[in-house]
Every structure is written in structure tokens, then in C-alpha cells.
Amino acid sequence: VHVEGEHSRVAIRNIRREAIEHIKKLQKQGVSEDLAGDAEKEVQEMTNSNIAQVEKHLVAKEKEIMSI
């Protein structure tokens, strides 16, 4: 369960990295720093939320496995 959880967290972080790279490319093309900063902050908040959901599911699955 822990290995699958780590794979999920890594996948989420990779998506975050790709999104931030895309935002930086847009910033070089003329998007304002404020807008880019807000977008990066939103991406980070979504990342934190999704990782928290993974953690919640891991705890539930671990309890389920241990109760059998």
C-alpha cells in the first residue's frame, strides 16, 4: 500500500512540475508575473489537496488490510 501511495504522490508532483514549467513558458510569452504567481499558487494548492486525499485513502486501505 505504501509503495502505491508513493507512486501516486510522485505522479502528482510530476504533474505539478509540468504545470509550473508551462506557466513559466507562458510568462516568457508575456503573461504578467502576478497572474503567473497566482497560477503557481493554485497549482500548489491543488497538489497539496490531492496528496492529502491520497494519504486519507492510504490510511483507510491500511486499516482495511490490517482488519482482515
Protein backbone atom coordinates (compact mmCIF):
# COMPACT_ATOMS: atom_id res chain seq x y z
CA VAL A 1 0.00 0.00 0.00
CA HIS A 2 2.84 2.37 0.87
CA VAL A 3 4.55 1.76 -2.48
CA GLU A 4 1.38 2.51 -4.43
CA GLY A 5 0.84 5.63 -2.34
CA GLU A 6 4.36 6.82 -3.11
CA HIS A 7 3.79 6.20 -6.83
CA SER A 8 0.66 8.34 -6.61
CA ARG A 9 2.46 11.15 -4.80
CA VAL A 10 5.29 11.09 -7.36
CA ALA A 11 2.78 11.23 -10.23
CA ILE A 12 1.03 14.22 -8.63
CA ARG A 13 4.36 16.01 -8.14
CA ASN A 14 5.32 15.35 -11.77
CA ILE A 15 2.05 16.89 -12.92
CA ARG A 16 2.77 19.91 -10.69
CA ARG A 17 6.26 20.27 -12.18
CA GLU A 18 4.89 20.12 -15.74
CA ALA A 19 2.18 22.69 -14.92
CA ILE A 20 4.69 25.11 -13.39
CA GLU A 21 7.00 24.71 -16.39
CA HIS A 22 4.05 25.54 -18.65
CA ILE A 23 3.21 28.61 -16.55
CA LYS A 24 6.83 29.80 -16.79
CA LYS A 25 6.74 29.40 -20.59
CA LEU A 26 3.56 31.48 -20.70
CA GLN A 27 5.21 34.09 -18.51
CA LYS A 28 8.08 34.35 -21.00
CA GLN A 29 5.46 34.89 -23.72
CA GLY A 30 4.04 37.89 -21.90
CA VAL A 31 1.75 36.70 -19.09
CA SER A 32 2.07 39.01 -16.07
CA GLU A 33 4.08 37.96 -13.03
CA ASP A 34 1.04 38.37 -10.78
CA LEU A 35 -1.08 36.07 -12.93
CA ALA A 36 1.73 33.52 -13.16
CA GLY A 37 2.28 33.67 -9.41
CA ASP A 38 -1.42 33.17 -8.74
CA ALA A 39 -1.48 30.20 -11.13
CA GLU A 40 1.55 28.61 -9.46
CA LYS A 41 -0.06 29.09 -6.05
CA GLU A 42 -3.27 27.46 -7.29
CA VAL A 43 -1.32 24.52 -8.74
CA GLN A 44 0.44 24.06 -5.38
CA GLU A 45 -2.87 24.16 -3.51
CA MET A 46 -4.32 21.50 -5.83
CA THR A 47 -1.17 19.41 -5.36
CA ASN A 48 -1.46 19.62 -1.57
CA SER A 49 -5.15 18.74 -1.72
CA ASN A 50 -4.60 15.71 -3.93
CA ILE A 51 -1.70 14.43 -1.85
CA ALA A 52 -3.89 14.77 1.26
CA GLN A 53 -6.58 12.69 -0.46
CA VAL A 54 -4.01 10.01 -1.31
CA GLU A 55 -2.90 9.96 2.34
CA LYS A 56 -6.51 9.65 3.51
CA HIS A 57 -7.13 6.71 1.18
CA LEU A 58 -3.86 5.07 2.26
CA VAL A 59 -4.86 5.19 5.91
CA ALA A 60 -8.29 3.74 5.13
CA LYS A 61 -6.84 0.95 2.96
CA GLU A 62 -4.20 0.15 5.55
CA LYS A 63 -6.90 -0.20 8.23
CA GLU A 64 -8.93 -2.40 5.89
CA ILE A 65 -5.95 -4.67 5.19
CA MET A 66 -4.98 -4.91 8.85
CA SER A 67 -8.50 -5.84 9.95
CA ILE A 68 -8.61 -8.98 7.78
